[in-house]
Protein backbone atom coordinates (compact mmCIF):
# COMPACT_ATOMS: atom_id res chain seq x y z
CA UNK A 1 -1.44 -17.41 19.49
CA UNK A 2 -3.29 -14.59 17.63
CA UNK A 3 -1.55 -13.25 14.61
CA UNK A 4 -2.04 -9.73 13.42
CA UNK A 5 -4.83 -9.99 10.65
CA UNK A 6 -5.54 -7.99 7.42
CA UNK A 7 -8.47 -6.28 8.11
CA UNK A 8 -11.37 -6.37 5.59
CA UNK A 9 -10.86 -2.55 4.76
CA UNK A 10 -7.16 -2.72 4.50
CA UNK A 11 -7.70 -5.71 2.21
CA UNK A 12 -9.96 -4.27 -0.15
CA UNK A 13 -8.79 -0.23 0.51
CA UNK A 14 -8.17 0.47 -3.16
CA UNK A 15 -11.68 -0.65 -4.08
CA UNK A 16 -12.97 1.43 -1.60
CA UNK A 17 -11.06 4.59 -3.00
CA UNK A 18 -12.28 3.75 -6.22
CA UNK A 19 -15.90 3.23 -5.25
CA UNK A 20 -15.86 6.60 -3.42
CA UNK A 21 -14.09 8.56 -6.01
CA UNK A 22 -16.39 7.07 -8.83
CA UNK A 23 -19.43 7.96 -6.66
CA UNK A 24 -18.44 11.56 -6.31
CA UNK A 25 -18.06 11.35 -9.95
CA UNK A 26 -21.12 10.52 -11.11
CA UNK A 27 -22.62 12.84 -8.39
CA UNK A 28 -20.68 15.88 -10.07
CA UNK A 29 -21.82 15.07 -13.30
CA UNK A 30 -25.40 14.29 -13.03
CA UNK A 31 -25.36 17.77 -11.01
CA UNK A 32 -24.74 19.86 -14.13
CA UNK A 33 -26.34 17.39 -17.00
CA UNK A 34 -29.77 16.21 -17.71
CA UNK A 35 -30.35 12.82 -16.61
CA UNK A 36 -33.40 12.13 -18.26
CA UNK A 37 -35.44 13.03 -15.23
CA UNK A 38 -36.83 16.03 -13.83
CA UNK A 39 -36.63 14.49 -9.97
CA UNK A 40 -33.24 16.61 -8.44
CA UNK A 41 -32.68 14.32 -5.51
CA UNK A 42 -33.47 11.03 -7.54
CA UNK A 43 -30.98 12.30 -10.49
CA UNK A 44 -28.13 12.54 -7.90
CA UNK A 45 -29.02 9.30 -6.26
CA UNK A 46 -28.69 8.03 -9.91
CA UNK A 47 -25.59 9.75 -10.60
CA UNK A 48 -23.50 8.68 -7.41
CA UNK A 49 -24.91 4.67 -8.29
CA UNK A 50 -23.56 4.91 -11.78
CA UNK A 51 -20.25 6.26 -10.40
CA UNK A 52 -20.07 3.54 -7.68
CA UNK A 53 -20.41 1.21 -10.77
CA UNK A 54 -17.77 2.84 -12.77
CA UNK A 55 -15.55 2.48 -9.82
CA UNK A 56 -16.16 -0.99 -9.90
CA UNK A 57 -15.39 -1.36 -13.55
CA UNK A 58 -12.25 0.47 -13.41
CA UNK A 59 -11.02 -1.84 -10.52
CA UNK A 60 -11.74 -4.57 -12.24
CA UNK A 61 -9.78 -3.51 -15.42
CA UNK A 62 -6.91 -2.86 -13.55
CA UNK A 63 -6.82 -6.40 -12.17
CA UNK A 64 -7.14 -7.69 -15.70
CA UNK A 65 -5.09 -5.49 -17.70
CA UNK A 66 -1.88 -5.73 -15.29
CA UNK A 67 0.24 -6.07 -18.43
CA UNK A 68 -0.07 -2.74 -19.45
CA UNK A 69 2.03 -1.51 -16.92
CA UNK A 70 5.36 -2.75 -18.36
CA UNK A 71 5.12 0.47 -20.81
CA UNK A 72 5.88 3.90 -19.70
CA UNK A 73 3.25 5.95 -17.49
CA UNK A 74 2.18 7.96 -20.24
CA UNK A 75 1.91 5.22 -23.07
CA UNK A 76 0.21 3.08 -20.28
CA UNK A 77 -2.42 5.79 -19.20
CA UNK A 78 -3.45 6.53 -23.31
CA UNK A 79 -3.78 2.76 -23.54
CA UNK A 80 -6.05 2.11 -20.25
CA UNK A 81 -7.71 5.37 -21.24
CA UNK A 82 -8.87 4.14 -24.23
CA UNK A 83 -10.23 0.57 -23.09
CA UNK A 84 -11.54 1.91 -19.81
CA UNK A 85 -13.55 4.43 -21.43
CA UNK A 86 -15.00 2.08 -23.90
CA UNK A 87 -15.96 -0.13 -21.16
CA UNK A 88 -17.32 2.74 -19.25
CA UNK A 89 -19.35 3.75 -22.14
CA UNK A 90 -21.02 0.29 -22.86
CA UNK A 91 -21.83 0.41 -19.35
CA UNK A 92 -23.45 3.39 -19.38
CA UNK A 93 -25.37 2.77 -23.10
CA UNK A 94 -27.05 -0.54 -21.26
CA UNK A 95 -27.74 1.32 -18.16
CA UNK A 96 -29.09 4.40 -20.07
CA UNK A 97 -31.20 2.45 -22.60
CA UNK A 98 -32.84 0.18 -19.78
CA UNK A 99 -33.69 3.37 -18.00
CA UNK A 100 -35.46 4.87 -20.90
CA UNK A 101 -37.13 1.96 -21.61
CA UNK A 102 -38.69 1.92 -18.16
CA UNK A 103 -38.95 5.44 -17.64
CA UNK A 104 -40.47 6.65 -21.00
CA UNK A 105 -42.04 3.05 -21.77
CA UNK A 106 -40.36 2.46 -25.34
CA UNK A 107 -38.97 -0.33 -26.87
CA UNK A 108 -35.36 -1.31 -26.56
CA UNK A 109 -34.96 0.05 -30.00
CA UNK A 110 -36.49 3.26 -29.69
CA UNK A 111 -34.33 3.84 -26.40
CA UNK A 112 -31.22 2.84 -28.14
CA UNK A 113 -31.90 5.23 -30.97
CA UNK A 114 -32.90 7.96 -28.04
CA UNK A 115 -29.57 7.79 -26.19
CA UNK A 116 -27.18 7.74 -29.32
CA UNK A 117 -29.00 10.89 -30.47
CA UNK A 118 -29.19 12.74 -27.22
CA UNK A 119 -26.45 11.36 -24.80
CA UNK A 120 -23.50 9.46 -26.33
CA UNK A 121 -21.45 12.30 -26.93
CA UNK A 122 -21.92 13.65 -23.32
CA UNK A 123 -21.12 10.26 -22.02
CA UNK A 124 -18.31 9.47 -24.16
CA UNK A 125 -16.47 12.66 -22.90
CA UNK A 126 -17.44 11.75 -19.46
CA UNK A 127 -15.98 8.41 -19.79
CA UNK A 128 -13.00 9.63 -20.95
CA UNK A 129 -12.64 12.18 -18.13
CA UNK A 130 -13.80 9.74 -15.73
CA UNK A 131 -11.17 7.10 -16.52
CA UNK A 132 -8.22 9.61 -16.87
CA UNK A 133 -9.36 10.99 -13.16
CA UNK A 134 -9.79 7.63 -11.76
CA UNK A 135 -6.56 6.19 -13.04
CA UNK A 136 -4.56 9.26 -11.91
CA UNK A 137 -6.45 9.08 -8.51
CA UNK A 138 -5.20 4.91 -7.74
CA UNK A 139 -1.65 6.05 -9.35
CA UNK A 140 -1.11 8.87 -6.67
CA UNK A 141 -2.79 6.49 -3.91
CA UNK A 142 -0.41 4.10 -4.47
CA UNK A 143 2.77 6.56 -4.58
CA UNK A 144 1.32 7.91 -1.25
CA UNK A 145 0.16 6.71 1.97
CA UNK A 146 -3.31 7.00 2.91
CA UNK A 147 -2.10 9.04 5.85
CA UNK A 148 -0.29 11.53 3.70
CA UNK A 149 -2.99 13.77 2.79
CA UNK A 150 -4.56 13.58 6.05
CA UNK A 151 -1.26 14.92 7.77
CA UNK A 152 -0.67 17.24 5.05
CA UNK A 153 -4.07 19.26 5.25
CA UNK A 154 -4.31 19.02 8.94
CA UNK A 155 -0.91 20.69 9.39
CA UNK A 156 0.37 17.59 11.43
CA UNK A 157 4.25 17.40 11.62
CA UNK A 158 4.42 21.07 10.20
CA UNK A 159 6.21 22.10 13.18
CA UNK A 160 8.72 19.15 14.62
CA UNK A 161 7.12 17.27 17.37
CA UNK A 162 8.60 14.46 19.24
CA UNK A 163 7.15 10.95 19.30
CA UNK A 164 7.51 7.58 20.60
CA UNK A 165 8.04 5.38 18.05
CA UNK A 166 9.44 1.69 16.78
CA UNK A 167 11.64 1.44 13.91
CA UNK A 168 12.12 -2.22 12.13
CA UNK A 169 15.12 -2.25 9.60
CA UNK A 170 14.62 -4.78 7.28
CA UNK A 171 17.85 -5.75 5.32
CA UNK A 172 18.16 -8.55 2.38
CA UNK A 173 21.12 -10.97 3.33
CA UNK A 174 23.92 -11.64 0.95
CA UNK A 175 22.54 -8.58 -1.41
CA UNK A 176 25.96 -8.36 -2.67
CA UNK A 177 26.47 -11.73 -4.20
CA UNK A 178 22.82 -12.08 -4.94
CA UNK A 179 23.44 -9.01 -7.36
CA UNK A 180 26.31 -10.32 -8.93
CA UNK A 181 24.76 -13.71 -9.34
CA UNK A 182 21.69 -12.58 -10.87
CA UNK A 183 22.89 -9.21 -12.43
CA UNK A 184 21.63 -5.60 -11.88
CA UNK A 185 18.17 -6.03 -13.72
CA UNK A 186 17.03 -9.37 -12.48
CA UNK A 187 18.10 -8.33 -9.01
CA UNK A 188 16.37 -5.27 -9.18
CA UNK A 189 12.88 -7.28 -10.44
CA UNK A 190 13.53 -9.67 -7.21
CA UNK A 191 13.75 -6.92 -4.73
CA UNK A 192 10.35 -5.57 -6.65
CA UNK A 193 8.59 -8.68 -6.09
CA UNK A 194 9.79 -9.20 -2.56
CA UNK A 195 8.66 -5.33 -1.34
CA UNK A 196 5.47 -6.36 -3.02
CA UNK A 197 4.83 -9.54 -1.33
CA UNK A 198 5.46 -7.65 1.89
CA UNK A 199 2.37 -5.89 1.41
CA UNK A 200 -0.20 -7.99 3.33
CA UNK A 201 2.22 -8.33 6.28
CA UNK A 202 2.78 -4.67 6.63
CA UNK A 203 -0.81 -3.89 6.38
CA UNK A 204 -1.64 -6.56 8.83
CA UNK A 205 0.89 -5.45 11.61
CA UNK A 206 -0.50 -1.73 10.91
CA UNK A 207 3.27 -0.60 10.04
CA UNK A 208 3.97 2.57 7.81
CA UNK A 209 6.55 2.23 4.98
CA UNK A 210 9.11 4.92 6.07
CA UNK A 211 11.62 4.47 3.59
CA UNK A 212 12.67 2.08 0.61
CA UNK A 213 16.86 2.36 0.75
CA UNK A 214 18.04 0.06 -1.80
CA UNK A 215 17.82 -3.56 -0.59
CA UNK A 216 16.50 -2.15 2.72
CA UNK A 217 12.78 -1.35 3.78
CA UNK A 218 12.31 0.69 7.09
CA UNK A 219 9.14 0.15 8.79
CA UNK A 220 7.85 2.35 11.76
CA UNK A 221 4.97 2.33 14.26
CA UNK A 222 3.72 4.94 16.80
CA UNK A 223 4.99 2.94 19.89
CA UNK A 224 1.21 2.17 21.26
CA UNK A 225 0.15 0.94 17.44
CA UNK A 226 3.24 -1.40 17.45
CA UNK A 227 3.26 -2.86 20.95
CA UNK A 228 -0.54 -3.80 20.74
CA UNK A 229 -1.02 -7.75 20.49
CA UNK A 230 2.88 -7.61 19.64
CA UNK A 231 2.08 -6.26 16.13
CA UNK A 232 5.56 -5.00 15.62
CA UNK A 233 7.15 -8.26 16.89
CA UNK A 234 4.82 -10.41 14.76
CA UNK A 235 5.53 -8.38 11.64
CA UNK A 236 8.66 -9.78 10.85
CA UNK A 237 7.06 -13.55 10.99
CA UNK A 238 4.73 -12.39 8.70
CA UNK A 239 7.19 -11.21 6.35
CA UNK A 240 8.96 -14.66 6.77
CA UNK A 241 5.54 -16.30 6.11
CA UNK A 242 4.65 -14.08 2.87
CA UNK A 243 8.02 -15.28 1.23
CA UNK A 244 7.80 -18.70 2.30
CA UNK A 245 4.10 -19.05 0.76
CA UNK A 246 5.99 -17.71 -2.43
CA UNK A 247 9.23 -19.74 -2.65
CA UNK A 248 8.14 -21.80 -5.53
CA UNK A 249 7.65 -18.79 -7.54
CA UNK A 250 11.31 -17.29 -6.31
CA UNK A 251 13.11 -20.66 -7.06
CA UNK A 252 11.35 -20.60 -10.39
CA UNK A 253 12.07 -17.23 -11.62
CA UNK A 254 15.51 -16.62 -9.77
CA UNK A 255 16.57 -20.24 -8.65
CA UNK A 256 16.91 -18.49 -5.00
CA UNK A 257 14.80 -17.89 -2.19
CA UNK A 258 15.71 -14.58 -0.90
CA UNK A 259 16.39 -14.01 2.75
CA UNK A 260 16.33 -11.17 4.90
CA UNK A 261 17.25 -9.79 8.52
CA UNK A 262 15.99 -7.27 10.79
CA UNK A 263 16.96 -5.23 13.75
CA UNK A 264 14.16 -3.42 15.88
CA UNK A 265 14.38 -0.69 18.54
CA UNK A 266 12.03 1.80 20.25
CA UNK A 267 12.93 5.30 21.36
CA UNK A 268 11.78 8.99 20.98
CA UNK A 269 12.13 10.39 17.46
CA UNK A 270 11.69 13.82 15.91
CA UNK A 271 8.95 13.91 13.32
CA UNK A 272 8.57 16.81 10.85
CA UNK A 273 8.12 17.55 7.28
CA UNK A 274 10.92 18.80 4.98
CA UNK A 275 11.56 20.08 1.55
CA UNK A 276 10.05 22.46 -1.04
CA UNK A 277 10.92 20.61 -4.15
CA UNK A 278 9.91 17.37 -2.89
CA UNK A 279 7.79 17.55 0.48
CA UNK A 280 8.25 14.41 2.64
CA UNK A 281 7.85 13.29 6.16
CA UNK A 282 11.06 12.55 7.98
CA UNK A 283 12.49 11.49 11.45
CA UNK A 284 15.38 12.64 13.22
CA UNK A 285 17.28 11.09 16.00
CA UNK A 286 19.22 8.37 17.74
CA UNK A 287 16.62 6.21 17.04
CA UNK A 288 17.10 5.23 13.71
CA UNK A 289 20.62 5.07 13.92
CA UNK A 290 20.17 2.65 16.85
CA UNK A 291 17.80 0.61 15.09
CA UNK A 292 19.95 0.35 11.72
CA UNK A 293 23.04 -0.50 14.00
CA UNK A 294 21.14 -3.53 15.70
CA UNK A 295 20.27 -4.60 12.48
CA UNK A 296 24.04 -4.77 11.78
CA UNK A 297 24.45 -7.14 14.36
CA UNK A 298 22.66 -9.89 12.70
CA UNK A 299 25.29 -11.48 11.01
CA UNK A 300 27.70 -11.30 14.00
CA UNK A 301 24.88 -13.22 16.03
CA UNK A 302 23.89 -15.31 13.51
CA UNK A 303 20.54 -14.90 13.65
CA UNK A 304 17.75 -12.95 11.63
CA UNK A 305 16.05 -10.87 13.83
CA UNK A 306 17.62 -8.87 16.90
CA UNK A 307 15.99 -6.44 18.99
CA UNK A 308 17.15 -3.94 21.90
CA UNK A 309 16.50 -4.60 25.64
CA UNK A 310 14.50 -1.51 26.03
CA UNK A 311 12.04 -2.90 23.38
CA UNK A 312 11.80 -6.27 24.60
CA UNK A 313 10.96 -5.01 28.14
CA UNK A 314 7.88 -2.93 26.11
CA UNK A 315 6.61 -5.94 24.59
CA UNK A 316 3.76 -8.46 25.89
CA UNK A 317 4.53 -11.47 27.38
CA UNK A 318 4.02 -14.31 25.00
CA UNK A 319 4.90 -18.03 25.28
CA UNK A 320 5.32 -18.63 21.52
CA UNK A 321 8.10 -16.24 21.55
CA UNK A 322 11.55 -17.04 22.80
CA UNK A 323 14.24 -14.16 23.61
CA UNK A 324 17.88 -15.16 24.16
CA UNK A 325 20.08 -12.65 25.68
CA UNK A 326 23.55 -11.65 23.90
CA UNK A 327 25.04 -9.65 26.52
CA UNK A 328 26.17 -6.15 26.26
CA UNK A 329 27.08 -5.61 22.71
CA UNK A 330 29.16 -2.24 21.53
CA UNK A 331 27.35 -0.69 18.37
CA UNK A 332 29.30 1.68 16.15
CA UNK A 333 28.97 5.21 17.09
CA UNK A 334 27.34 4.31 20.30
CA UNK A 335 29.60 5.29 23.54
CA UNK A 336 27.91 2.82 25.77
CA UNK A 337 27.20 -1.27 24.94
CA UNK A 338 23.58 -2.27 24.71
CA UNK A 339 21.66 -5.42 26.01
CA UNK A 340 20.81 -7.09 22.97
CA UNK A 341 18.27 -10.07 22.42
CA UNK A 342 17.66 -12.56 19.67
CA UNK A 343 13.99 -13.52 18.85
CA UNK A 344 12.49 -16.94 18.06
CA UNK A 345 8.92 -17.91 17.45
CA UNK A 346 7.91 -21.08 18.78
CA UNK A 347 5.59 -22.24 16.46
CA UNK A 348 5.65 -23.57 12.62
CA UNK A 349 6.61 -21.07 9.99
């Protein structure tokens, strides 16, 4: 059995973005200043390389100064900008001194004094500007999916269109009991950890996060992408595995390991943009209501993963997956009962 794997690009997606953004910044900067050489194309190449390294520096700092995220956004931005800009300036100083020494055949001391007298102020202002830009870029990238800008600028979904999609509603089990036991703040922290730990499973299965709704996360795929290699089905297994790998952490911090259930269905949904104050891509149609109702049947069927017959019929055959028919079951709000199946994976979790 071949589980969906996290691709190299998706795993290091943020690094690629920072490097590309840094390269563009460096290119723009050297396009308008004297970089110490009269060779125009070499100057551009030099600036791009410097920008790429700046992107790497920012990512390294982002990984190293995670604790700063506990403060408000403005305070975090100010603190990070001060720290990161100094780091960028030190890099620029070392790079420039080495470059001046080689290109102008000066000693290190002469190259250092030359840089201090001619370039340090401009580079310090650039380091601040670059740090702020990259920090805002990374923050916005984390708030919006990678496809958001593409869909927006290409005009996709500006008019409602019908698509065949898969929806999976994933809900935390015994959420009310957990919230009472932990208290609102600690329970909110648990949800934050849980959804963060889902990230690799979501990326590996090529799912899109439609919404976080309280203690529920709604995942969706275009049908062809979700059915390929049974990605949508194995997504649930990968979600389970991600929490199993962190169970010691959850026991230590929350004295419990969160459990969750999911319902999945396939069908047609209408996709469109809505809103002026806050633009958002939304999905309309019976598909979402049905998927939500299927998830609600998990407790009644005493199982944590339930799918519709329509969904089962679309999936690829696999000996590692066991479907158990639960018969025709009435769903709230549906006129006709539906055939539902519980899903088990015949390998060690």
